[in-house]
Amino acid sequence: MPAQPSQKPPETLRADARENRERILAAAREAYALHGIDVPMAAIARRAKVGVATLYRRFPTRAALVSEAFAEQLAHCVAVLDEGLADPDPWRGFCSVVENVCMMQARERGFTEAFLSQFPEHAEYAQERARAEEGLALLIRRAKAGGQLRQDFDVHDITLLMLANCGATAGAGDDAPAASRRLVAYLLQSFRAGATAPLPPPAPLGLDRIPV
């Protein structure tokens, strides 16, 4: 008896599901980069050219979609921090982390917002953010101990740097990566130990103070 049109082989269904999933994730990343992570789920479904029911079947909550959309970027961020901590040269490790984090901020607005957001059902984001702050503090202590980083540099200056990077790249459009590289190069030179005048006291800024 001939198969009915709706009875597709299992592998075809799996391929269609994978295609829908990838379209949804690509559309989400594009929308988040343009408008932030508060974009309505229905708008992402329209951008992906799938039904809202299909989107919710794959990703039942906004947090689930955001988490999956930026899973690769989160893994990269963790790897950058691990590489910086593993570098035997504390200053080089510190610079590498700062450069990579600021470049990701310039290129992936949506990821920066996702990383700094609070998703109660996705505790890994909060955990990784806390781990990032601890790792940066350790890098700073090592670079100071090695005499490469100015002694009055404070861990909260990382937030100050990211605020400056956010401002410098916000209106730069396609030139955002170049603007970020230039700004970070200037700032890293100012962070080096040497004959510098004392700075005013650091502002108590945590990563949650960065606008996204």
Foldseek 3Di string as FASTA:
>chain_A
DDDDPVDDPPVVVVVVLVLLLVLLLVLQQVCCQVPNLVPDLCVSCVSSVHHSVSSCVVPVDSLSSLCVSCVVVLVVLVVLLVVLLPDPQLLVSLLSNLLVVLLCVLVRVRVLRSLLDDDPVCCVSVVSLVVSLVSNVVSVVVCVVVQWFAPLDDSQVSLVLSLVLCVQRVPVPPCSNVSSVVSSVVVSVVGTDDPDDDDDHDDPDDSNPRDD
